[in-house]
Protein backbone atom coordinates (compact mmCIF):
# COMPACT_ATOMS: atom_id res chain seq x y z
CA UNK A 1 -30.32 -2.79 -1.67
CA UNK A 2 -32.66 -0.53 -4.29
CA UNK A 3 -31.74 -0.20 -7.69
CA UNK A 4 -31.05 3.18 -7.23
CA UNK A 5 -28.57 2.97 -4.78
CA UNK A 6 -26.46 -0.14 -7.02
CA UNK A 7 -27.14 2.57 -9.18
CA UNK A 8 -24.90 5.09 -7.79
CA UNK A 9 -21.68 2.89 -6.40
CA UNK A 10 -21.81 1.89 -9.68
CA UNK A 11 -21.29 5.44 -10.82
CA UNK A 12 -18.94 5.30 -7.48
CA UNK A 13 -17.10 2.60 -8.32
CA UNK A 14 -16.64 4.18 -12.41
CA UNK A 15 -15.70 7.31 -11.14
CA UNK A 16 -12.99 5.67 -9.00
CA UNK A 17 -11.08 3.10 -11.23
CA UNK A 18 -11.43 5.99 -13.94
CA UNK A 19 -9.28 8.44 -11.12
CA UNK A 20 -6.51 5.19 -11.04
CA UNK A 21 -7.02 4.21 -14.58
CA UNK A 22 -3.45 4.19 -15.78
CA UNK A 23 -2.17 2.54 -11.96
CA UNK A 24 -4.82 -0.08 -12.44
CA UNK A 25 -4.32 -1.06 -16.20
CA UNK A 26 -0.98 -1.15 -15.72
CA UNK A 27 2.23 -2.38 -14.20
CA UNK A 28 2.72 0.99 -12.47
CA UNK A 29 2.21 1.25 -8.71
CA UNK A 30 1.10 4.13 -6.51
CA UNK A 31 4.06 3.35 -4.46
CA UNK A 32 6.38 6.43 -4.68
CA UNK A 33 9.56 4.92 -5.42
CA UNK A 34 11.48 7.85 -6.58
CA UNK A 35 11.34 8.99 -3.06
CA UNK A 36 14.51 5.66 -2.29
CA UNK A 37 16.58 8.60 -4.07
CA UNK A 38 16.85 10.92 -1.37
CA UNK A 39 18.44 7.60 1.50
CA UNK A 40 21.47 6.36 1.59
CA UNK A 41 23.40 4.43 -0.32
CA UNK A 42 20.83 5.43 -3.65
CA UNK A 43 21.44 8.88 -2.74
CA UNK A 44 24.73 9.34 -4.99
CA UNK A 45 22.37 6.85 -7.77
CA UNK A 46 19.16 9.08 -8.86
CA UNK A 47 18.76 12.29 -9.69
CA UNK A 48 17.38 14.45 -6.45
CA UNK A 49 15.45 17.03 -9.28
CA UNK A 50 13.84 13.94 -10.47
CA UNK A 51 11.71 13.38 -6.91
CA UNK A 52 7.97 14.36 -7.01
CA UNK A 53 6.89 15.34 -3.58
CA UNK A 54 10.28 14.64 -0.84
CA UNK A 55 7.52 14.94 1.83
CA UNK A 56 5.33 11.95 1.31
CA UNK A 57 8.38 8.92 2.47
CA UNK A 58 5.33 7.03 4.74
CA UNK A 59 3.90 4.72 1.88
CA UNK A 60 8.29 3.49 1.32
CA UNK A 61 9.06 3.93 4.88
CA UNK A 62 5.88 2.12 6.61
CA UNK A 63 2.91 1.64 4.50
CA UNK A 64 4.54 -1.10 1.62
CA UNK A 65 7.23 -2.37 3.78
CA UNK A 66 4.56 -3.27 6.32
CA UNK A 67 2.68 -5.00 3.59
CA UNK A 68 5.26 -6.97 2.59
CA UNK A 69 6.24 -8.70 6.30
CA UNK A 70 2.33 -9.00 7.04
CA UNK A 71 2.45 -11.12 3.61
CA UNK A 72 6.04 -13.19 4.27
CA UNK A 73 5.00 -13.82 8.34
CA UNK A 74 1.33 -15.24 7.37
CA UNK A 75 2.54 -17.12 4.35
CA UNK A 76 4.65 -19.08 7.04
CA UNK A 77 2.62 -19.58 9.10
CA UNK A 78 3.16 -17.30 11.75
CA UNK A 79 0.80 -14.79 13.33
CA UNK A 80 3.57 -11.22 12.88
CA UNK A 81 3.24 -9.63 16.99
CA UNK A 82 6.33 -8.43 16.99
CA UNK A 83 8.33 -6.70 13.99
CA UNK A 84 12.25 -7.26 14.46
CA UNK A 85 12.86 -5.11 11.02
CA UNK A 86 12.30 -1.41 12.52
CA UNK A 87 14.45 0.02 15.55
CA UNK A 88 14.89 -2.79 18.14
CA UNK A 89 11.72 -4.30 17.36
CA UNK A 90 8.63 -2.98 17.40
CA UNK A 91 5.07 -4.25 17.88
CA UNK A 92 3.54 -5.21 15.27
CA UNK A 93 0.55 -6.70 15.38
CA UNK A 94 -1.33 -4.15 17.74
CA UNK A 95 0.63 -1.28 15.28
CA UNK A 96 -2.08 0.86 14.29
CA UNK A 97 0.02 1.81 10.40
CA UNK A 98 0.59 -1.79 9.70
CA UNK A 99 -3.33 -1.54 10.59
CA UNK A 100 -3.06 -6.05 9.98
CA UNK A 101 -5.70 -6.77 11.53
CA UNK A 102 -8.16 -4.65 9.59
CA UNK A 103 -10.50 -6.86 7.67
CA UNK A 104 -9.76 -4.94 4.65
CA UNK A 105 -6.14 -5.40 4.72
CA UNK A 106 -7.14 -9.27 5.30
CA UNK A 107 -9.04 -9.38 2.12
CA UNK A 108 -5.98 -7.05 0.46
CA UNK A 109 -3.75 -9.75 1.28
CA UNK A 110 -5.61 -12.22 -1.53
CA UNK A 111 -4.12 -9.46 -4.01
CA UNK A 112 -0.56 -10.20 -5.76
CA UNK A 113 2.06 -7.80 -4.18
CA UNK A 114 2.38 -5.59 -6.86
CA UNK A 115 -1.34 -4.65 -7.44
CA UNK A 116 -2.33 -4.91 -3.26
CA UNK A 117 -1.44 -0.49 -4.11
CA UNK A 118 -3.51 -0.08 -6.62
CA UNK A 119 -6.73 -1.68 -5.65
CA UNK A 120 -6.76 -0.94 -2.26
CA UNK A 121 -6.92 3.05 -3.29
CA UNK A 122 -9.90 2.29 -5.67
CA UNK A 123 -11.62 0.47 -2.49
CA UNK A 124 -10.70 3.00 0.11
CA UNK A 125 -11.89 5.79 -2.93
CA UNK A 126 -15.15 3.60 -2.88
């Protein structure tokens, strides 16, 4: 890699970090946790007016729980072929949403769970 290419990569990495600085530097997460207020049984506990974007539920419904499930299964020494917690059970390892076989996902599993979403967002921006 030339020095110029390395400099361009460094600038892009810094711009991506600047864009995500609040999430990367604090304990805040990029998971839209306020959307949980739309679901039962939490609907009574959370003011629905506080939900900033009510249509982005994929992260709280699928992406984050799948990452937690993948991490817990691998920690117990099991390869998660099947997810028994969705409907009556669905394929997990071959699921495109879980991305369990994505090489980047394996790298992200080395990060602590709270930092997973932020650093994976940084890497994807990069």
